Amino acid sequence: MNNTPARSTASTVFIHSLIFAFPFLLLITNIGVGLCSFAFLITAVVTRRLGWPVLLRHLTEIRGVLVAFASVLVLALVLGLVSGDGRLRDLEKPIRMLAAVTVTLTVLACRPSRRALWWGLIAGAFAGCLFIAYQRWGMGVERPGGLINSITFGDIMLCMGLMCLAGTLDFAGRSAVWPALGALAGLTGSIATGTRGGWIAIGFAVLLLIRYGHVLHGRWRKALALLALALIVSTYFIPQTGARERVDEGINDVQQYFNGGPSYTSVGIRLELWRSALQLIERHPLFGASIPTVRAELEQLVADGRASPYVLEFEHFHNDLLQATVFGGVAGLLAWGSTLMVPFLFFRRQLQCGDHLNAPALAGMLLVLCYFSFGLTEVIFWSVRSNMFYAMMLFLLAGLCLNAKEEVQ
């Protein structure tokens, strides 16, 4: 039974416009994420009497996700208070990520159509693709990154493209070509940035689609999904994309590093940063160390000849697992890992509840897998924009899953 309250045309247009704008404005503006997060917050406050009771009905299902994000905030707060060495400055991102639960409250209260999100992802993927393609082939920028850096831009483009594939489930018949084109745009935009680390996500996505391929009902969806993923493979054989050059360069970097050759290369730098991070973790295994302490100890490693001097040039360790452990120890690693594992398990359970949940649940699983994959060679959770995209999209998809359950009760 659907207990959706009557809503005015203005409020309906507003909530659908807000959900559309979130992914659409993400990569082509500097204010999109902040503006949308503020709008979700205000809307959640205004509609709390409608959204809160629904959230309470499903609290058992989503409690783990809330606890996971809260644990990161609590750990950061405790470490900051106990150490007194400036760690309290690190509270902004965990506070804003936990506050993204207001997106779920808004979705539960307003009951928007999922199409608003899919069209927003499609439009965002096209806009980002055109933006980055112009920089790459129009302006001649070798590693374009739009308004941010090339790695983060390419990773988010890839993530949006893969989620578009999940969106095909909510489009009937040949209309599924639209989200499929969005997926192609996302993949093309990622390729244009020259980003390699995100390609790991393609492998995970293929495994996921093989495991849950039964949810892609119809020949059109399966064919379009295979076509989109085949694009990545084909780019290796197209010289203009630079994909083969980047792959060969990566292999050469690894060989040089382990053979004692020049290590100041894209991959060599990462390997050296990872080696340095492991040495720092040995010193503070349980709760990590603060930024000033890590900096001082890293300088000492360089002075002792145990790390290359260029590691001091970088702000992070180019790996989310190591980054979380260096600054939070095992406790930090577990807290950070829970924000990936718990939501993934949540969405997997939703996928098993029926066809009406397939699209948002599959998109949620792809979102988590993408961020885990990106974090293997980059600190994807470094920028506020990337953090907020993950948290807001996760809570948006969770809200859509819970709405779908409400509609069939």
Protein backbone atom coordinates (compact mmCIF):
# COMPACT_ATOMS: atom_id res chain seq x y z
CA MET A 1 0.00 0.00 0.00
CA ASN A 2 1.34 3.42 -0.95
CA ASN A 3 0.82 6.05 1.74
CA THR A 4 2.46 8.85 -0.23
CA PRO A 5 1.04 12.19 0.94
CA ALA A 6 -0.36 14.65 -1.54
CA ARG A 7 2.25 17.13 -2.70
CA SER A 8 1.98 20.42 -4.53
CA THR A 9 3.28 20.75 -8.06
CA ALA A 10 5.89 23.24 -6.87
CA SER A 11 7.31 20.89 -4.22
CA THR A 12 7.36 18.00 -6.70
CA VAL A 13 9.25 20.06 -9.26
CA PHE A 14 11.65 21.26 -6.58
CA ILE A 15 12.65 17.85 -5.24
CA HIS A 16 13.05 16.35 -8.70
CA SER A 17 15.11 19.35 -9.81
CA LEU A 18 17.30 19.05 -6.73
CA ILE A 19 17.99 15.35 -7.30
CA PHE A 20 18.69 15.99 -10.99
CA ALA A 21 21.00 18.92 -10.21
CA PHE A 22 23.16 17.00 -7.73
CA PRO A 23 25.00 14.75 -10.25
CA PHE A 24 24.54 17.20 -13.13
CA LEU A 25 26.35 20.09 -11.41
CA LEU A 26 28.95 17.95 -9.66
CA LEU A 27 31.80 18.19 -12.17
CA ILE A 28 30.97 21.30 -14.15
CA THR A 29 30.61 23.78 -11.27
CA ASN A 30 32.45 24.55 -8.05
CA ILE A 31 29.31 25.22 -6.02
CA GLY A 32 27.09 22.32 -7.09
CA VAL A 33 27.85 19.92 -4.23
CA GLY A 34 27.72 22.55 -1.51
CA LEU A 35 24.53 24.08 -2.87
CA CYS A 36 22.76 20.73 -3.17
CA SER A 37 23.88 19.50 0.26
CA PHE A 38 22.56 22.71 1.84
CA ALA A 39 19.26 22.36 -0.07
CA PHE A 40 18.87 18.75 1.10
CA LEU A 41 19.56 19.83 4.68
CA ILE A 42 16.93 22.58 4.61
CA THR A 43 14.39 20.33 2.89
CA ALA A 44 14.97 17.58 5.46
CA VAL A 45 14.31 20.03 8.28
CA VAL A 46 11.15 21.35 6.65
CA THR A 47 9.77 17.88 5.87
CA ARG A 48 11.03 16.10 9.03
CA ARG A 49 7.52 15.18 10.19
CA LEU A 50 7.05 13.13 7.04
CA GLY A 51 10.53 11.65 6.72
CA TRP A 52 11.39 10.81 10.32
CA PRO A 53 8.63 8.22 10.92
CA VAL A 54 9.59 6.38 7.72
CA LEU A 55 13.24 6.35 8.72
CA LEU A 56 12.33 4.92 12.11
CA ARG A 57 10.36 2.12 10.43
CA HIS A 58 13.48 1.10 8.52
CA LEU A 59 16.02 1.92 11.20
CA THR A 60 16.96 -1.71 11.70
CA GLU A 61 17.94 -1.99 8.04
CA ILE A 62 19.94 1.21 7.79
CA ARG A 63 21.33 1.38 11.33
CA GLY A 64 24.61 -0.23 10.32
CA VAL A 65 25.24 2.40 7.65
CA LEU A 66 24.57 5.21 10.12
CA VAL A 67 26.85 3.62 12.73
CA ALA A 68 29.63 3.23 10.17
CA PHE A 69 29.68 6.92 9.26
CA ALA A 70 29.22 7.92 12.90
CA SER A 71 32.20 5.77 13.92
CA VAL A 72 34.52 7.76 11.65
CA LEU A 73 33.34 11.00 13.24
CA VAL A 74 33.57 9.68 16.80
CA LEU A 75 37.08 8.31 16.25
CA ALA A 76 38.27 11.60 14.73
CA LEU A 77 36.77 13.50 17.67
CA VAL A 78 38.28 11.21 20.32
CA LEU A 79 41.73 11.21 18.72
CA GLY A 80 41.59 14.99 18.41
CA LEU A 81 40.66 15.50 22.05
CA VAL A 82 43.11 12.94 23.41
CA SER A 83 46.15 13.93 21.35
CA GLY A 84 45.58 17.68 21.35
CA ASP A 85 47.86 18.02 18.34
CA GLY A 86 45.55 19.53 15.78
CA ARG A 87 43.52 16.49 14.77
CA LEU A 88 40.27 18.34 15.45
CA ARG A 89 40.89 20.11 12.15
CA ASP A 90 40.05 16.81 10.45
CA LEU A 91 36.42 16.82 11.61
CA GLU A 92 34.89 18.68 8.64
CA LYS A 93 34.67 15.75 6.25
CA PRO A 94 33.25 13.15 8.70
CA ILE A 95 30.71 15.69 9.98
CA ARG A 96 29.52 16.57 6.49
CA MET A 97 29.43 12.93 5.39
CA LEU A 98 27.30 11.89 8.37
CA ALA A 99 25.06 14.93 7.82
CA ALA A 100 24.36 13.53 4.34
CA VAL A 101 21.74 11.34 6.03
CA THR A 102 19.50 14.38 5.48
CA VAL A 103 19.41 13.26 1.85
CA THR A 104 17.74 10.02 2.94
CA LEU A 105 15.28 11.93 5.12
CA THR A 106 14.39 14.20 2.19
CA VAL A 107 13.87 11.27 -0.16
CA LEU A 108 11.73 9.40 2.36
CA ALA A 109 9.58 12.47 2.97
CA CYS A 110 9.14 13.59 -0.65
CA ARG A 111 9.02 10.19 -2.42
CA PRO A 112 10.62 11.38 -5.70
CA SER A 113 10.73 9.35 -8.88
CA ARG A 114 14.01 7.52 -9.44
CA ARG A 115 14.05 8.82 -12.99
CA ALA A 116 15.20 12.22 -11.68
CA LEU A 117 18.45 10.64 -10.48
CA TRP A 118 19.04 8.64 -13.65
CA TRP A 119 18.47 11.67 -15.88
CA GLY A 120 20.76 13.70 -13.63
CA LEU A 121 23.49 11.07 -13.96
CA ILE A 122 22.99 10.90 -17.73
CA ALA A 123 23.13 14.68 -18.11
CA GLY A 124 26.07 14.92 -15.71
CA ALA A 125 28.00 12.27 -17.62
CA PHE A 126 27.39 14.04 -20.94
CA ALA A 127 28.27 17.47 -19.53
CA GLY A 128 31.44 16.15 -17.91
CA CYS A 129 32.41 14.28 -21.08
CA LEU A 130 31.99 17.36 -23.28
CA PHE A 131 33.90 19.50 -20.79
CA ILE A 132 36.87 17.17 -20.49
CA ALA A 133 36.89 16.22 -24.19
CA TYR A 134 37.17 19.90 -25.09
CA GLN A 135 40.11 20.30 -22.72
CA ARG A 136 41.81 17.16 -24.05
CA TRP A 137 41.30 17.41 -27.80
CA GLY A 138 40.20 21.02 -28.21
CA MET A 139 42.70 22.78 -25.96
CA GLY A 140 45.38 20.10 -26.22
CA VAL A 141 45.70 19.50 -22.46
CA GLU A 142 47.43 16.14 -22.03
CA ARG A 143 45.92 15.30 -18.61
CA PRO A 144 42.77 17.45 -18.28
CA GLY A 145 40.86 17.52 -15.02
CA GLY A 146 38.09 20.05 -15.52
CA LEU A 147 37.76 22.17 -12.38
CA ILE A 148 39.60 19.62 -10.23
CA ASN A 149 42.52 17.22 -10.75
CA SER A 150 42.48 14.72 -13.59
CA ILE A 151 42.47 11.62 -11.38
CA THR A 152 39.44 12.60 -9.30
CA PHE A 153 37.56 13.87 -12.35
CA GLY A 154 38.24 10.66 -14.28
CA ASP A 155 37.30 8.45 -11.35
CA ILE A 156 34.00 10.20 -10.69
CA MET A 157 33.16 10.18 -14.40
CA LEU A 158 33.73 6.44 -14.47
CA CYS A 159 31.60 5.96 -11.36
CA MET A 160 28.73 7.97 -12.83
CA GLY A 161 28.96 6.00 -16.07
CA LEU A 162 28.76 2.66 -14.30
CA MET A 163 25.78 3.79 -12.23
CA CYS A 164 24.05 4.76 -15.48
CA LEU A 165 24.27 1.10 -16.43
CA ALA A 166 22.24 0.25 -13.33
CA GLY A 167 19.77 2.95 -14.33
CA THR A 168 18.88 1.02 -17.49
CA LEU A 169 16.74 -1.21 -15.26
CA ASP A 170 14.26 1.63 -14.76
CA PHE A 171 13.90 2.31 -18.50
CA ALA A 172 11.57 0.15 -20.55
CA GLY A 173 12.51 -1.34 -23.90
CA ARG A 174 14.64 0.72 -26.24
CA SER A 175 14.46 3.77 -23.98
CA ALA A 176 17.25 2.02 -22.03
CA VAL A 177 19.56 3.42 -24.70
CA TRP A 178 19.59 6.77 -22.83
CA PRO A 179 21.28 5.57 -19.63
CA ALA A 180 23.48 3.34 -21.77
CA LEU A 181 24.63 6.42 -23.68
CA GLY A 182 25.22 8.07 -20.32
CA ALA A 183 27.43 5.13 -19.39
CA LEU A 184 29.38 5.52 -22.63
CA ALA A 185 29.79 9.24 -21.96
CA GLY A 186 31.06 8.54 -18.46
CA LEU A 187 33.57 5.98 -19.68
CA THR A 188 34.70 8.26 -22.52
CA GLY A 189 35.18 11.17 -20.13
CA SER A 190 37.25 9.00 -17.82
CA ILE A 191 39.44 7.85 -20.71
CA ALA A 192 39.98 11.45 -21.81
CA THR A 193 41.58 12.31 -18.45
CA GLY A 194 44.24 9.65 -18.95
CA THR A 195 43.46 8.16 -15.53
CA ARG A 196 44.56 4.53 -15.15
CA GLY A 197 43.82 3.68 -11.53
CA GLY A 198 40.08 3.76 -12.08
CA TRP A 199 40.33 0.93 -14.59
CA ILE A 200 40.47 -1.49 -11.67
CA ALA A 201 36.83 -0.56 -11.06
CA ILE A 202 35.96 -1.91 -14.51
CA GLY A 203 37.17 -5.35 -13.47
CA PHE A 204 35.09 -5.26 -10.30
CA ALA A 205 32.08 -4.00 -12.25
CA VAL A 206 32.37 -6.88 -14.73
CA LEU A 207 32.51 -9.40 -11.87
CA LEU A 208 29.51 -7.77 -10.22
CA LEU A 209 27.47 -7.77 -13.43
CA ILE A 210 28.38 -11.41 -14.02
CA ARG A 211 27.29 -12.31 -10.49
CA TYR A 212 24.05 -10.32 -10.67
CA GLY A 213 23.56 -10.33 -14.43
CA HIS A 214 20.13 -11.87 -13.97
CA VAL A 215 18.76 -8.48 -12.88
CA LEU A 216 19.53 -7.05 -16.34
CA HIS A 217 16.29 -8.28 -17.84
CA GLY A 218 16.06 -8.11 -21.63
CA ARG A 219 18.51 -8.41 -24.49
CA TRP A 220 18.78 -4.62 -24.94
CA ARG A 221 20.11 -4.02 -21.44
CA LYS A 222 22.60 -6.88 -21.55
CA ALA A 223 23.83 -5.85 -25.00
CA LEU A 224 24.20 -2.20 -23.97
CA ALA A 225 26.04 -3.16 -20.78
CA LEU A 226 28.48 -5.31 -22.74
CA LEU A 227 28.92 -2.55 -25.33
CA ALA A 228 29.74 0.03 -22.68
CA LEU A 229 32.30 -2.20 -20.99
CA ALA A 230 33.80 -3.19 -24.36
CA LEU A 231 34.58 0.47 -24.96
CA ILE A 232 37.30 0.36 -22.32
CA VAL A 233 38.98 -2.61 -24.01
CA SER A 234 38.78 -1.02 -27.46
CA THR A 235 40.51 2.16 -26.29
CA TYR A 236 43.74 0.23 -25.89
CA PHE A 237 43.85 -0.21 -29.68
CA ILE A 238 43.01 3.42 -30.54
CA PRO A 239 46.22 5.54 -30.45
CA GLN A 240 44.36 8.85 -30.03
CA THR A 241 43.08 7.83 -26.59
CA GLY A 242 46.58 7.30 -25.21
CA ALA A 243 45.38 4.20 -23.34
CA ARG A 244 48.05 1.86 -24.70
CA GLU A 245 50.75 4.43 -23.98
CA ARG A 246 49.55 4.80 -20.38
CA VAL A 247 49.47 1.00 -19.85
CA ASP A 248 52.94 0.52 -21.31
CA GLU A 249 54.23 3.44 -19.25
CA GLY A 250 52.86 1.88 -16.06
CA ILE A 251 54.51 -1.47 -16.75
CA ASN A 252 57.82 0.27 -17.47
CA ASP A 253 57.55 2.31 -14.24
CA VAL A 254 57.18 -0.85 -12.15
CA GLN A 255 60.15 -2.52 -13.84
CA GLN A 256 62.32 0.55 -13.32
CA TYR A 257 61.41 0.83 -9.65
CA PHE A 258 62.24 -2.77 -8.75
CA ASN A 259 65.34 -2.85 -10.94
CA GLY A 260 66.85 0.16 -9.19
CA GLY A 261 66.22 2.60 -12.04
CA PRO A 262 64.64 6.08 -11.83
CA SER A 263 61.70 5.94 -9.41
CA TYR A 264 60.31 9.44 -9.91
CA THR A 265 57.54 8.20 -12.20
CA SER A 266 53.78 8.01 -11.77
CA VAL A 267 53.83 4.42 -10.50
CA GLY A 268 57.27 4.65 -8.91
CA ILE A 269 56.18 7.57 -6.74
CA ARG A 270 53.22 5.57 -5.48
CA LEU A 271 55.36 2.56 -4.66
CA GLU A 272 57.77 4.74 -2.70
CA LEU A 273 54.94 6.48 -0.85
CA TRP A 274 53.43 3.11 0.05
CA ARG A 275 56.78 1.85 1.34
CA SER A 276 57.15 4.98 3.45
CA ALA A 277 53.60 4.65 4.78
CA LEU A 278 54.24 1.09 5.95
CA GLN A 279 57.27 2.28 7.91
CA LEU A 280 55.17 4.97 9.59
CA ILE A 281 52.40 2.51 10.45
CA GLU A 282 54.91 0.33 12.29
CA ARG A 283 55.51 3.23 14.70
CA HIS A 284 51.84 3.96 15.49
CA PRO A 285 49.87 0.79 14.66
CA LEU A 286 46.80 1.22 16.86
CA PHE A 287 45.66 4.84 16.55
CA GLY A 288 48.00 6.36 13.99
CA ALA A 289 49.54 9.82 14.26
CA SER A 290 48.64 13.44 13.58
CA ILE A 291 49.66 15.38 10.47
CA PRO A 292 52.56 17.20 12.21
CA THR A 293 53.87 13.93 13.66
CA VAL A 294 53.63 12.10 10.35
CA ARG A 295 55.42 14.95 8.61
CA ALA A 296 58.23 14.99 11.15
CA GLU A 297 58.70 11.23 11.00
CA LEU A 298 58.59 11.23 7.22
CA GLU A 299 61.34 13.85 7.18
CA GLN A 300 63.35 11.63 9.50
CA LEU A 301 62.93 8.67 7.16
CA VAL A 302 64.30 10.80 4.34
CA ALA A 303 67.20 12.01 6.48
CA ASP A 304 68.03 8.40 7.38
CA GLY A 305 67.98 7.37 3.73
CA ARG A 306 64.97 5.08 4.24
CA ALA A 307 62.73 7.05 1.87
CA SER A 308 63.31 9.14 -1.23
CA PRO A 309 63.26 12.92 -0.69
CA TYR A 310 60.40 13.44 -3.14
CA VAL A 311 57.90 11.76 -0.79
CA LEU A 312 57.84 15.07 1.09
CA GLU A 313 56.33 16.77 -1.97
CA PHE A 314 52.99 14.95 -1.71
CA GLU A 315 50.03 15.66 0.53
CA HIS A 316 48.88 12.06 0.88
CA PHE A 317 50.00 8.47 0.28
CA HIS A 318 47.96 7.70 -2.86
CA ASN A 319 46.17 4.80 -1.19
CA ASP A 320 43.07 5.08 0.99
CA LEU A 321 43.85 2.00 3.08
CA LEU A 322 47.34 3.23 3.95
CA GLN A 323 46.14 6.81 4.42
CA ALA A 324 43.51 5.72 6.94
CA THR A 325 45.99 3.52 8.80
CA VAL A 326 48.82 6.08 8.93
CA PHE A 327 46.58 8.70 10.51
CA GLY A 328 44.16 6.45 12.42
CA GLY A 329 45.95 3.16 12.94
CA VAL A 330 44.02 -0.09 12.91
CA ALA A 331 41.08 1.75 14.51
CA GLY A 332 41.02 4.24 11.67
CA LEU A 333 41.29 1.51 9.06
CA LEU A 334 38.32 -0.38 10.55
CA ALA A 335 36.22 2.79 10.80
CA TRP A 336 37.01 3.84 7.23
CA GLY A 337 36.51 0.31 5.92
CA SER A 338 33.08 0.13 7.55
CA THR A 339 31.87 3.05 5.41
CA LEU A 340 32.48 0.83 2.39
CA MET A 341 31.69 -2.68 3.60
CA VAL A 342 28.50 -1.94 5.55
CA PRO A 343 26.80 0.06 2.74
CA PHE A 344 27.83 -2.62 0.22
CA LEU A 345 26.16 -5.31 2.33
CA PHE A 346 23.11 -3.08 2.77
CA PHE A 347 22.66 -2.67 -0.97
CA ARG A 348 23.29 -6.37 -1.60
CA ARG A 349 20.46 -7.22 0.78
CA GLN A 350 18.19 -4.78 -1.04
CA LEU A 351 19.05 -6.41 -4.36
CA GLN A 352 17.73 -9.70 -3.01
CA CYS A 353 14.35 -8.19 -2.05
CA GLY A 354 12.80 -8.05 -5.52
CA ASP A 355 12.92 -6.43 -8.96
CA HIS A 356 11.50 -3.13 -7.67
CA LEU A 357 14.82 -2.55 -5.83
CA ASN A 358 17.25 -3.71 -8.49
CA ALA A 359 18.21 -0.36 -10.06
CA PRO A 360 19.09 1.68 -6.93
CA ALA A 361 20.58 -1.35 -5.14
CA LEU A 362 22.84 -2.25 -8.07
CA ALA A 363 23.87 1.40 -8.44
CA GLY A 364 24.72 1.49 -4.75
CA MET A 365 26.92 -1.58 -5.01
CA LEU A 366 28.70 -0.12 -8.03
CA LEU A 367 29.24 3.17 -6.17
CA VAL A 368 30.92 1.41 -3.24
CA LEU A 369 33.01 -0.86 -5.46
CA CYS A 370 34.17 2.12 -7.50
CA TYR A 371 35.34 4.06 -4.47
CA PHE A 372 37.11 1.02 -3.06
CA SER A 373 38.83 0.47 -6.40
CA PHE A 374 39.82 4.11 -6.79
CA GLY A 375 41.29 4.08 -3.29
CA LEU A 376 43.79 1.38 -4.20
CA THR A 377 45.94 3.85 -6.17
CA GLU A 378 44.61 7.21 -4.98
CA VAL A 379 43.14 8.84 -1.88
CA ILE A 380 39.72 9.33 -3.43
CA PHE A 381 38.38 10.50 -0.06
CA TRP A 382 40.88 13.39 0.00
CA SER A 383 38.74 16.20 -1.42
CA VAL A 384 35.48 17.42 0.08
CA ARG A 385 33.80 17.18 -3.34
CA SER A 386 34.64 13.51 -3.71
CA ASN A 387 33.66 12.74 -0.10
CA MET A 388 30.31 14.45 -0.46
CA PHE A 389 29.52 12.79 -3.76
CA TYR A 390 30.04 9.39 -2.15
CA ALA A 391 28.05 10.11 1.00
CA MET A 392 25.20 12.02 -0.64
CA MET A 393 24.82 9.52 -3.48
CA LEU A 394 24.95 6.61 -1.04
CA PHE A 395 22.23 8.06 1.21
CA LEU A 396 20.18 9.08 -1.85
CA LEU A 397 20.24 5.54 -3.23
CA ALA A 398 19.50 4.12 0.24
CA GLY A 399 16.45 6.37 0.47
CA LEU A 400 15.24 5.25 -2.95
CA CYS A 401 15.59 1.60 -1.88
CA LEU A 402 13.54 2.20 1.27
CA ASN A 403 10.91 4.10 -0.71
CA ALA A 404 10.56 1.15 -3.07
CA LYS A 405 9.85 -1.08 -0.07
CA GLU A 406 7.27 1.35 1.24
CA GLU A 407 5.43 1.34 -2.07
CA VAL A 408 4.83 -2.42 -1.99
CA GLN A 409 3.83 -2.67 1.65
